[in-house]
Amino acid sequence: MKIRSLIIVAAALFFAAGLHAQNKVQYHASASLSYAMPSWDKAKAGSAEGLSFGIILKERHYFEGEVIFMKHNWKDGVVGNLTLIPTLATYRYEISFDAKSDWYLQLGGSIGTAVQTWKYGLNNKDYIRLAYGAQAMAVYKLNKTFSAIGGVRILQTEVGEAKQSGNATLFSAGARITF
């Protein structure tokens, strides 16, 4: 119940910021592929795919909702895997490298929930846990519509029945469309 309340408050703040925008609002959508390195015991590194949609306020403030799909196999050869699907509210602030440059740095954070499917041998369980993290991304704006993005994100959550705390470090590359 606490997680649900936290998500409702985060969503309300996210949309309230949009209502107070005084400049032209832009929308953006992005897709990314990642190499995900987990810190949880027995989980191997795996892949992740992400999709996001959001708004840009005052040309520097990025608010978005995003979903990431991560899948990790087990190191010890046990049949099964760990699947995580974080659904996050994310904020990033964009910093220009130079007034004439097409390169930008984005720093931000995320909060939300992670749906987990834990399959370890004959033990199969599903969980919903709090997820939060930080990220740094380099952005190259090809033009006003298309951007190439790449960076690193650390996503913290608990996994499994024992609520083992840990994180996944994601190295990502992708593309963004602004409209």
N, C-alpha and C. Protein backbone atom coordinates (compact mmCIF):
# COMPACT_ATOMS: atom_id res chain seq x y z
N MET A 1 0.81 -1.19 0.00
CA MET A 1 0.00 0.00 0.00
C MET A 1 0.86 1.27 0.00
N LYS A 2 2.00 1.25 0.72
CA LYS A 2 2.87 2.41 0.77
C LYS A 2 3.46 2.70 -0.60
N ILE A 3 3.83 1.65 -1.33
CA ILE A 3 4.40 1.84 -2.66
C ILE A 3 3.38 2.48 -3.58
N ARG A 4 2.14 2.01 -3.53
CA ARG A 4 1.09 2.57 -4.38
C ARG A 4 0.88 4.05 -4.06
N SER A 5 0.87 4.41 -2.78
CA SER A 5 0.71 5.81 -2.39
C SER A 5 1.86 6.66 -2.89
N LEU A 6 3.08 6.12 -2.80
CA LEU A 6 4.26 6.83 -3.28
C LEU A 6 4.18 7.08 -4.78
N ILE A 7 3.73 6.09 -5.51
CA ILE A 7 3.59 6.24 -6.97
C ILE A 7 2.54 7.27 -7.31
N ILE A 8 1.43 7.29 -6.59
CA ILE A 8 0.36 8.27 -6.85
C ILE A 8 0.87 9.68 -6.59
N VAL A 9 1.62 9.87 -5.50
CA VAL A 9 2.17 11.19 -5.19
C VAL A 9 3.17 11.61 -6.26
N ALA A 10 4.06 10.69 -6.67
CA ALA A 10 5.05 11.01 -7.71
C ALA A 10 4.36 11.38 -9.02
N ALA A 11 3.32 10.64 -9.40
CA ALA A 11 2.59 10.94 -10.63
C ALA A 11 1.89 12.31 -10.54
N ALA A 12 1.32 12.61 -9.37
CA ALA A 12 0.65 13.91 -9.19
C ALA A 12 1.65 15.06 -9.33
N LEU A 13 2.84 14.92 -8.74
CA LEU A 13 3.87 15.95 -8.87
C LEU A 13 4.34 16.08 -10.30
N PHE A 14 4.48 14.94 -10.97
CA PHE A 14 4.92 14.90 -12.36
C PHE A 14 3.96 15.70 -13.24
N PHE A 15 2.65 15.47 -13.10
CA PHE A 15 1.67 16.15 -13.93
C PHE A 15 1.42 17.59 -13.47
N ALA A 16 1.59 17.88 -12.18
CA ALA A 16 1.44 19.25 -11.69
C ALA A 16 2.51 20.16 -12.30
N ALA A 17 3.72 19.63 -12.43
CA ALA A 17 4.79 20.41 -13.06
C ALA A 17 4.41 20.78 -14.49
N GLY A 18 3.77 19.89 -15.20
CA GLY A 18 3.34 20.15 -16.56
C GLY A 18 2.27 21.22 -16.64
N LEU A 19 1.39 21.27 -15.64
CA LEU A 19 0.33 22.26 -15.62
C LEU A 19 0.86 23.68 -15.39
N HIS A 20 2.00 23.77 -14.73
CA HIS A 20 2.56 25.09 -14.42
C HIS A 20 3.56 25.58 -15.47
N ALA A 21 3.70 24.86 -16.52
CA ALA A 21 4.66 25.26 -17.57
C ALA A 21 4.19 26.55 -18.23
N GLN A 22 5.11 27.49 -18.35
CA GLN A 22 4.75 28.76 -18.97
C GLN A 22 5.28 28.86 -20.40
N ASN A 23 6.23 28.03 -20.75
CA ASN A 23 6.78 28.01 -22.10
C ASN A 23 6.10 26.92 -22.91
N LYS A 24 6.40 26.92 -24.19
CA LYS A 24 5.88 25.89 -25.08
C LYS A 24 6.34 24.51 -24.60
N VAL A 25 5.42 23.58 -24.53
CA VAL A 25 5.73 22.22 -24.10
C VAL A 25 6.01 21.38 -25.34
N GLN A 26 7.12 20.63 -25.29
CA GLN A 26 7.44 19.69 -26.34
C GLN A 26 7.24 18.28 -25.78
N TYR A 27 6.99 17.34 -26.67
CA TYR A 27 6.85 15.94 -26.28
C TYR A 27 7.99 15.14 -26.88
N HIS A 28 8.33 14.05 -26.24
CA HIS A 28 9.40 13.21 -26.77
C HIS A 28 9.11 11.74 -26.47
N ALA A 29 9.65 10.88 -27.32
CA ALA A 29 9.58 9.44 -27.13
C ALA A 29 10.96 8.88 -27.42
N SER A 30 11.35 7.86 -26.66
CA SER A 30 12.67 7.27 -26.89
C SER A 30 12.64 5.76 -26.69
N ALA A 31 13.61 5.12 -27.31
CA ALA A 31 13.80 3.68 -27.16
C ALA A 31 15.29 3.44 -26.94
N SER A 32 15.61 2.45 -26.10
CA SER A 32 17.02 2.18 -25.81
C SER A 32 17.27 0.69 -25.60
N LEU A 33 18.49 0.29 -25.84
CA LEU A 33 18.98 -1.05 -25.55
C LEU A 33 20.10 -0.91 -24.53
N SER A 34 20.16 -1.84 -23.58
CA SER A 34 21.15 -1.74 -22.51
C SER A 34 21.81 -3.07 -22.21
N TYR A 35 23.02 -2.98 -21.69
CA TYR A 35 23.72 -4.11 -21.10
C TYR A 35 23.54 -3.92 -19.59
N ALA A 36 22.90 -4.87 -18.92
CA ALA A 36 22.55 -4.73 -17.51
C ALA A 36 23.41 -5.64 -16.64
N MET A 37 24.16 -5.04 -15.72
CA MET A 37 25.02 -5.79 -14.80
C MET A 37 24.40 -5.74 -13.40
N PRO A 38 23.88 -6.88 -12.90
CA PRO A 38 23.24 -6.90 -11.58
C PRO A 38 24.24 -7.14 -10.46
N SER A 39 23.90 -6.67 -9.26
CA SER A 39 24.72 -6.94 -8.09
C SER A 39 24.12 -8.06 -7.23
N TRP A 40 22.95 -8.57 -7.60
CA TRP A 40 22.29 -9.60 -6.81
C TRP A 40 23.03 -10.93 -6.94
N ASP A 41 23.09 -11.69 -5.85
CA ASP A 41 23.75 -13.00 -5.87
C ASP A 41 23.16 -13.89 -6.95
N LYS A 42 24.01 -14.62 -7.61
CA LYS A 42 23.66 -15.66 -8.57
C LYS A 42 23.13 -15.17 -9.91
N ALA A 43 22.89 -13.85 -10.08
CA ALA A 43 22.33 -13.35 -11.35
C ALA A 43 23.45 -12.94 -12.30
N LYS A 44 23.36 -13.40 -13.55
CA LYS A 44 24.32 -13.02 -14.59
C LYS A 44 23.93 -11.68 -15.20
N ALA A 45 24.90 -11.07 -15.88
CA ALA A 45 24.60 -9.86 -16.64
C ALA A 45 23.64 -10.24 -17.77
N GLY A 46 22.80 -9.31 -18.16
CA GLY A 46 21.82 -9.58 -19.20
C GLY A 46 21.54 -8.35 -20.04
N SER A 47 20.49 -8.42 -20.80
CA SER A 47 20.11 -7.30 -21.66
C SER A 47 18.88 -6.61 -21.10
N ALA A 48 18.66 -5.39 -21.57
CA ALA A 48 17.48 -4.63 -21.17
C ALA A 48 17.03 -3.78 -22.35
N GLU A 49 15.74 -3.61 -22.47
CA GLU A 49 15.15 -2.74 -23.48
C GLU A 49 14.26 -1.73 -22.76
N GLY A 50 14.29 -0.49 -23.21
CA GLY A 50 13.50 0.54 -22.56
C GLY A 50 12.72 1.39 -23.55
N LEU A 51 11.55 1.83 -23.11
CA LEU A 51 10.70 2.76 -23.87
C LEU A 51 10.25 3.87 -22.94
N SER A 52 10.21 5.09 -23.45
CA SER A 52 9.74 6.20 -22.62
C SER A 52 8.97 7.21 -23.46
N PHE A 53 8.15 7.98 -22.76
CA PHE A 53 7.38 9.06 -23.37
C PHE A 53 7.28 10.16 -22.34
N GLY A 54 7.47 11.41 -22.77
CA GLY A 54 7.40 12.48 -21.78
C GLY A 54 7.28 13.85 -22.39
N ILE A 55 7.49 14.84 -21.52
CA ILE A 55 7.41 16.24 -21.91
C ILE A 55 8.72 16.94 -21.60
N ILE A 56 8.98 18.02 -22.33
CA ILE A 56 10.16 18.85 -22.11
C ILE A 56 9.64 20.25 -21.76
N LEU A 57 10.04 20.74 -20.59
CA LEU A 57 9.63 22.08 -20.16
C LEU A 57 10.82 23.01 -20.16
N LYS A 58 10.61 24.22 -20.65
CA LYS A 58 11.64 25.25 -20.69
C LYS A 58 12.94 24.75 -21.31
N GLU A 59 12.84 23.87 -22.27
CA GLU A 59 13.94 23.33 -23.08
C GLU A 59 15.01 22.56 -22.31
N ARG A 60 14.92 22.43 -21.00
CA ARG A 60 15.95 21.76 -20.22
C ARG A 60 15.42 20.74 -19.23
N HIS A 61 14.15 20.78 -18.91
CA HIS A 61 13.56 19.90 -17.89
C HIS A 61 12.78 18.77 -18.57
N TYR A 62 13.26 17.55 -18.40
CA TYR A 62 12.64 16.38 -19.03
C TYR A 62 11.88 15.58 -17.98
N PHE A 63 10.58 15.42 -18.18
CA PHE A 63 9.74 14.58 -17.31
C PHE A 63 9.21 13.45 -18.18
N GLU A 64 9.32 12.22 -17.70
CA GLU A 64 8.86 11.12 -18.54
C GLU A 64 8.42 9.92 -17.70
N GLY A 65 7.60 9.12 -18.33
CA GLY A 65 7.25 7.81 -17.81
C GLY A 65 7.99 6.79 -18.66
N GLU A 66 8.58 5.80 -18.03
CA GLU A 66 9.34 4.82 -18.81
C GLU A 66 9.17 3.42 -18.26
N VAL A 67 9.35 2.47 -19.16
CA VAL A 67 9.28 1.05 -18.82
C VAL A 67 10.55 0.39 -19.34
N ILE A 68 11.17 -0.43 -18.50
CA ILE A 68 12.38 -1.15 -18.87
C ILE A 68 12.13 -2.64 -18.67
N PHE A 69 12.56 -3.46 -19.59
CA PHE A 69 12.43 -4.91 -19.48
C PHE A 69 13.83 -5.50 -19.37
N MET A 70 14.15 -6.12 -18.22
CA MET A 70 15.46 -6.72 -17.99
C MET A 70 15.30 -8.22 -17.72
N LYS A 71 16.23 -9.01 -18.26
CA LYS A 71 16.20 -10.45 -18.03
C LYS A 71 17.60 -10.94 -17.71
N HIS A 72 17.72 -11.68 -16.59
CA HIS A 72 19.01 -12.21 -16.13
C HIS A 72 18.88 -13.72 -15.91
N ASN A 73 19.84 -14.47 -16.41
CA ASN A 73 19.91 -15.90 -16.11
C ASN A 73 20.72 -16.09 -14.84
N TRP A 74 20.76 -17.32 -14.34
CA TRP A 74 21.49 -17.63 -13.10
C TRP A 74 22.90 -18.10 -13.38
N LYS A 75 23.87 -17.67 -12.56
CA LYS A 75 25.28 -18.03 -12.71
C LYS A 75 25.54 -19.51 -12.47
N ASP A 76 24.81 -20.11 -11.57
CA ASP A 76 25.11 -21.48 -11.15
C ASP A 76 24.48 -22.55 -12.04
N GLY A 77 23.91 -22.15 -13.17
CA GLY A 77 23.34 -23.12 -14.10
C GLY A 77 21.96 -23.64 -13.75
N VAL A 78 21.35 -23.13 -12.69
CA VAL A 78 20.01 -23.55 -12.31
C VAL A 78 19.03 -23.09 -13.38
N VAL A 79 18.04 -23.91 -13.69
CA VAL A 79 17.03 -23.57 -14.69
C VAL A 79 16.19 -22.40 -14.17
N GLY A 80 15.93 -21.44 -15.02
CA GLY A 80 15.10 -20.30 -14.66
C GLY A 80 15.82 -18.99 -14.91
N ASN A 81 15.20 -17.89 -14.46
CA ASN A 81 15.78 -16.58 -14.65
C ASN A 81 15.11 -15.57 -13.73
N LEU A 82 15.66 -14.37 -13.72
CA LEU A 82 15.10 -13.25 -12.99
C LEU A 82 14.69 -12.21 -14.04
N THR A 83 13.41 -11.90 -14.10
CA THR A 83 12.91 -10.88 -15.01
C THR A 83 12.42 -9.70 -14.19
N LEU A 84 12.89 -8.52 -14.53
CA LEU A 84 12.48 -7.28 -13.86
C LEU A 84 11.87 -6.34 -14.88
N ILE A 85 10.74 -5.75 -14.53
CA ILE A 85 10.10 -4.76 -15.40
C ILE A 85 9.82 -3.52 -14.57
N PRO A 86 10.82 -2.62 -14.45
CA PRO A 86 10.59 -1.36 -13.74
C PRO A 86 9.71 -0.41 -14.56
N THR A 87 8.74 0.21 -13.89
CA THR A 87 7.91 1.26 -14.46
C THR A 87 8.21 2.50 -13.63
N LEU A 88 8.77 3.52 -14.26
CA LEU A 88 9.36 4.63 -13.53
C LEU A 88 8.86 5.99 -13.97
N ALA A 89 8.82 6.93 -13.02
CA ALA A 89 8.66 8.35 -13.31
C ALA A 89 10.07 8.93 -13.22
N THR A 90 10.50 9.61 -14.28
CA THR A 90 11.89 10.07 -14.37
C THR A 90 11.95 11.57 -14.61
N TYR A 91 12.92 12.22 -13.97
CA TYR A 91 13.22 13.63 -14.23
C TYR A 91 14.69 13.73 -14.61
N ARG A 92 14.99 14.52 -15.65
CA ARG A 92 16.38 14.79 -16.05
C ARG A 92 16.52 16.28 -16.36
N TYR A 93 17.66 16.82 -15.99
CA TYR A 93 18.00 18.20 -16.33
C TYR A 93 19.09 18.17 -17.38
N GLU A 94 18.92 18.97 -18.42
CA GLU A 94 19.87 18.98 -19.53
C GLU A 94 20.81 20.18 -19.44
N ILE A 95 22.12 19.88 -19.61
CA ILE A 95 23.17 20.89 -19.55
C ILE A 95 23.87 20.91 -20.91
N SER A 96 24.04 22.09 -21.48
CA SER A 96 24.72 22.23 -22.76
C SER A 96 26.23 22.25 -22.54
N PHE A 97 26.97 21.54 -23.38
CA PHE A 97 28.43 21.57 -23.29
C PHE A 97 28.97 22.92 -23.74
N ASP A 98 28.32 23.50 -24.73
CA ASP A 98 28.76 24.76 -25.32
C ASP A 98 27.55 25.36 -26.04
N ALA A 99 27.45 26.66 -26.10
CA ALA A 99 26.30 27.31 -26.73
C ALA A 99 26.15 26.93 -28.20
N LYS A 100 27.27 26.61 -28.88
CA LYS A 100 27.22 26.26 -30.29
C LYS A 100 27.28 24.75 -30.53
N SER A 101 27.29 23.97 -29.49
CA SER A 101 27.45 22.52 -29.61
C SER A 101 26.10 21.80 -29.73
N ASP A 102 26.12 20.64 -30.38
CA ASP A 102 24.94 19.78 -30.44
C ASP A 102 25.00 18.69 -29.37
N TRP A 103 26.03 18.73 -28.51
CA TRP A 103 26.19 17.75 -27.43
C TRP A 103 25.63 18.30 -26.12
N TYR A 104 24.95 17.44 -25.37
CA TYR A 104 24.35 17.82 -24.10
C TYR A 104 24.58 16.71 -23.08
N LEU A 105 24.57 17.08 -21.80
CA LEU A 105 24.64 16.13 -20.70
C LEU A 105 23.32 16.20 -19.96
N GLN A 106 22.73 15.05 -19.66
CA GLN A 106 21.50 15.01 -18.88
C GLN A 106 21.75 14.22 -17.60
N LEU A 107 21.38 14.81 -16.47
CA LEU A 107 21.51 14.17 -15.16
C LEU A 107 20.13 14.08 -14.54
N GLY A 108 19.82 12.95 -13.90
CA GLY A 108 18.49 12.84 -13.32
C GLY A 108 18.30 11.64 -12.43
N GLY A 109 17.05 11.46 -12.05
CA GLY A 109 16.68 10.36 -11.16
C GLY A 109 15.32 9.80 -11.50
N SER A 110 15.06 8.60 -10.99
CA SER A 110 13.80 7.90 -11.26
C SER A 110 13.27 7.26 -10.00
N ILE A 111 11.95 7.08 -9.95
CA ILE A 111 11.31 6.33 -8.86
C ILE A 111 10.08 5.63 -9.43
N GLY A 112 9.80 4.45 -8.92
CA GLY A 112 8.63 3.70 -9.38
C GLY A 112 8.59 2.31 -8.78
N THR A 113 8.06 1.37 -9.52
CA THR A 113 7.97 -0.01 -9.05
C THR A 113 8.64 -0.94 -10.06
N ALA A 114 9.06 -2.10 -9.56
CA ALA A 114 9.63 -3.13 -10.42
C ALA A 114 8.82 -4.41 -10.22
N VAL A 115 8.20 -4.88 -11.28
CA VAL A 115 7.52 -6.18 -11.24
C VAL A 115 8.59 -7.22 -11.52
N GLN A 116 8.67 -8.24 -10.67
CA GLN A 116 9.71 -9.26 -10.80
C GLN A 116 9.10 -10.64 -10.94
N THR A 117 9.67 -11.42 -11.83
CA THR A 117 9.35 -12.84 -11.92
C THR A 117 10.62 -13.59 -11.58
N TRP A 118 10.59 -14.30 -10.49
CA TRP A 118 11.75 -15.01 -9.94
C TRP A 118 11.55 -16.49 -10.20
N LYS A 119 12.32 -17.04 -11.13
CA LYS A 119 12.24 -18.47 -11.45
C LYS A 119 13.60 -19.09 -11.15
N TYR A 120 13.65 -19.88 -10.09
CA TYR A 120 14.91 -20.50 -9.67
C TYR A 120 14.63 -21.97 -9.39
N GLY A 121 14.98 -22.81 -10.35
CA GLY A 121 14.65 -24.23 -10.22
C GLY A 121 13.14 -24.41 -10.20
N LEU A 122 12.63 -25.03 -9.15
CA LEU A 122 11.18 -25.23 -9.01
C LEU A 122 10.49 -24.08 -8.30
N ASN A 123 11.27 -23.10 -7.83
CA ASN A 123 10.73 -21.96 -7.10
C ASN A 123 10.36 -20.85 -8.08
N ASN A 124 9.08 -20.60 -8.28
CA ASN A 124 8.59 -19.54 -9.18
C ASN A 124 7.69 -18.60 -8.40
N LYS A 125 8.08 -17.33 -8.33
CA LYS A 125 7.27 -16.35 -7.60
C LYS A 125 7.32 -15.01 -8.31
N ASP A 126 6.28 -14.21 -8.09
CA ASP A 126 6.21 -12.85 -8.63
C ASP A 126 6.18 -11.86 -7.47
N TYR A 127 6.84 -10.73 -7.65
CA TYR A 127 6.91 -9.71 -6.61
C TYR A 127 6.74 -8.33 -7.26
N ILE A 128 6.31 -7.36 -6.45
CA ILE A 128 6.31 -5.96 -6.85
C ILE A 128 7.09 -5.22 -5.78
N ARG A 129 8.15 -4.53 -6.20
CA ARG A 129 9.05 -3.85 -5.26
C ARG A 129 9.26 -2.39 -5.69
N LEU A 130 9.65 -1.56 -4.73
CA LEU A 130 10.04 -0.19 -5.00
C LEU A 130 11.33 -0.19 -5.81
N ALA A 131 11.44 0.69 -6.78
CA ALA A 131 12.66 0.84 -7.57
C ALA A 131 12.97 2.33 -7.69
N TYR A 132 14.25 2.66 -7.58
CA TYR A 132 14.68 4.05 -7.73
C TYR A 132 16.12 4.07 -8.22
N GLY A 133 16.52 5.19 -8.79
CA GLY A 133 17.87 5.24 -9.31
C GLY A 133 18.28 6.60 -9.81
N ALA A 134 19.52 6.65 -10.32
CA ALA A 134 20.10 7.87 -10.87
C ALA A 134 20.70 7.55 -12.23
N GLN A 135 20.88 8.59 -13.05
CA GLN A 135 21.40 8.38 -14.39
C GLN A 135 22.15 9.59 -14.90
N ALA A 136 23.07 9.31 -15.80
CA ALA A 136 23.81 10.36 -16.53
C ALA A 136 23.82 9.93 -17.99
N MET A 137 23.45 10.86 -18.88
CA MET A 137 23.36 10.53 -20.30
C MET A 137 24.00 11.61 -21.15
N ALA A 138 24.67 11.18 -22.20
CA ALA A 138 25.15 12.11 -23.23
C ALA A 138 24.13 12.10 -24.36
N VAL A 139 23.83 13.27 -24.87
CA VAL A 139 22.84 13.41 -25.94
C VAL A 139 23.49 14.18 -27.09
N TYR A 140 23.35 13.64 -28.30
CA TYR A 140 23.78 14.35 -29.50
C TYR A 140 22.54 14.64 -30.33
N LYS A 141 22.24 15.91 -30.50
CA LYS A 141 21.04 16.32 -31.24
C LYS A 141 21.39 16.44 -32.72
N LEU A 142 20.88 15.47 -33.50
CA LEU A 142 21.13 15.47 -34.94
C LEU A 142 20.42 16.64 -35.62
N ASN A 143 19.22 16.96 -35.13
CA ASN A 143 18.45 18.12 -35.58
C ASN A 143 17.39 18.38 -34.51
N LYS A 144 16.38 19.19 -34.80
CA LYS A 144 15.38 19.51 -33.77
C LYS A 144 14.48 18.33 -33.44
N THR A 145 14.47 17.32 -34.28
CA THR A 145 13.58 16.17 -34.08
C THR A 145 14.28 14.94 -33.55
N PHE A 146 15.45 14.61 -34.07
CA PHE A 146 16.12 13.36 -33.73
C PHE A 146 17.37 13.57 -32.88
N SER A 147 17.54 12.69 -31.88
CA SER A 147 18.71 12.71 -31.01
C SER A 147 19.21 11.29 -30.79
N ALA A 148 20.52 11.15 -30.67
CA ALA A 148 21.14 9.89 -30.25
C ALA A 148 21.47 10.04 -28.76
N ILE A 149 21.19 8.99 -27.98
CA ILE A 149 21.41 9.06 -26.54
C ILE A 149 22.24 7.87 -26.08
N GLY A 150 23.01 8.07 -25.04
CA GLY A 150 23.80 7.00 -24.46
C GLY A 150 24.22 7.38 -23.06
N GLY A 151 24.34 6.38 -22.19
CA GLY A 151 24.74 6.73 -20.84
C GLY A 151 24.70 5.56 -19.89
N VAL A 152 24.72 5.89 -18.62
CA VAL A 152 24.72 4.89 -17.57
C VAL A 152 23.63 5.21 -16.55
N ARG A 153 23.02 4.16 -16.02
CA ARG A 153 21.97 4.30 -15.01
C ARG A 153 22.22 3.25 -13.94
N ILE A 154 21.98 3.62 -12.70
CA ILE A 154 22.02 2.65 -11.61
C ILE A 154 20.62 2.59 -11.04
N LEU A 155 20.04 1.40 -11.05
CA LEU A 155 18.66 1.18 -10.61
C LEU A 155 18.68 0.29 -9.38
N GLN A 156 18.23 0.79 -8.25
CA GLN A 156 18.23 0.08 -6.97
C GLN A 156 16.87 -0.55 -6.71
N THR A 157 16.85 -1.81 -6.28
CA THR A 157 15.61 -2.48 -5.89
C THR A 157 15.94 -3.72 -5.07
N GLU A 158 14.93 -4.32 -4.47
CA GLU A 158 15.09 -5.59 -3.75
C GLU A 158 14.55 -6.69 -4.65
N VAL A 159 15.17 -7.88 -4.56
CA VAL A 159 14.70 -9.00 -5.37
C VAL A 159 14.47 -10.23 -4.49
N GLY A 160 13.56 -11.07 -4.96
CA GLY A 160 13.34 -12.37 -4.33
C GLY A 160 12.60 -12.33 -3.02
N GLU A 161 12.38 -13.54 -2.51
CA GLU A 161 11.64 -13.72 -1.27
C GLU A 161 12.36 -13.11 -0.08
N ALA A 162 13.69 -13.16 -0.08
CA ALA A 162 14.48 -12.63 1.03
C ALA A 162 14.67 -11.11 0.94
N LYS A 163 14.10 -10.49 -0.10
CA LYS A 163 14.22 -9.04 -0.32
C LYS A 163 15.69 -8.61 -0.35
N GLN A 164 16.49 -9.32 -1.14
CA GLN A 164 17.91 -9.01 -1.26
C GLN A 164 18.07 -7.67 -1.96
N SER A 165 18.62 -6.69 -1.25
CA SER A 165 18.81 -5.36 -1.81
C SER A 165 20.02 -5.36 -2.74
N GLY A 166 19.90 -4.66 -3.84
CA GLY A 166 21.00 -4.57 -4.79
C GLY A 166 20.63 -3.63 -5.91
N ASN A 167 21.47 -3.61 -6.93
CA ASN A 167 21.20 -2.73 -8.04
C ASN A 167 21.58 -3.38 -9.36
N ALA A 168 21.10 -2.77 -10.41
CA ALA A 168 21.49 -3.14 -11.76
C ALA A 168 22.10 -1.89 -12.38
N THR A 169 23.29 -2.03 -12.92
CA THR A 169 23.93 -0.93 -13.62
C THR A 169 23.68 -1.15 -15.11
N LEU A 170 23.05 -0.18 -15.75
CA LEU A 170 22.69 -0.31 -17.16
C LEU A 170 23.54 0.65 -18.00
N PHE A 171 24.21 0.12 -19.01
CA PHE A 171 24.93 0.91 -20.00
C PHE A 171 24.05 0.93 -21.25
N SER A 172 23.55 2.09 -21.63
CA SER A 172 22.49 2.20 -22.63
C SER A 172 22.89 3.02 -23.85
N ALA A 173 22.25 2.69 -24.96
CA ALA A 173 22.33 3.49 -26.18
C ALA A 173 20.95 3.48 -26.82
N GLY A 174 20.56 4.60 -27.41
CA GLY A 174 19.24 4.63 -28.01
C GLY A 174 19.01 5.87 -28.87
N ALA A 175 17.74 6.12 -29.14
CA ALA A 175 17.34 7.26 -29.98
C ALA A 175 16.11 7.92 -29.40
N ARG A 176 15.99 9.23 -29.65
CA ARG A 176 14.84 10.00 -29.16
C ARG A 176 14.27 10.79 -30.31
N ILE A 177 12.94 10.89 -30.32
CA ILE A 177 12.21 11.73 -31.28
C ILE A 177 11.50 12.81 -30.47
N THR A 178 11.67 14.07 -30.86
CA THR A 178 11.00 15.19 -30.20
C THR A 178 9.97 15.74 -31.17
N PHE A 179 8.76 15.98 -30.65
CA PHE A 179 7.69 16.52 -31.50
C PHE A 179 6.84 17.51 -30.75
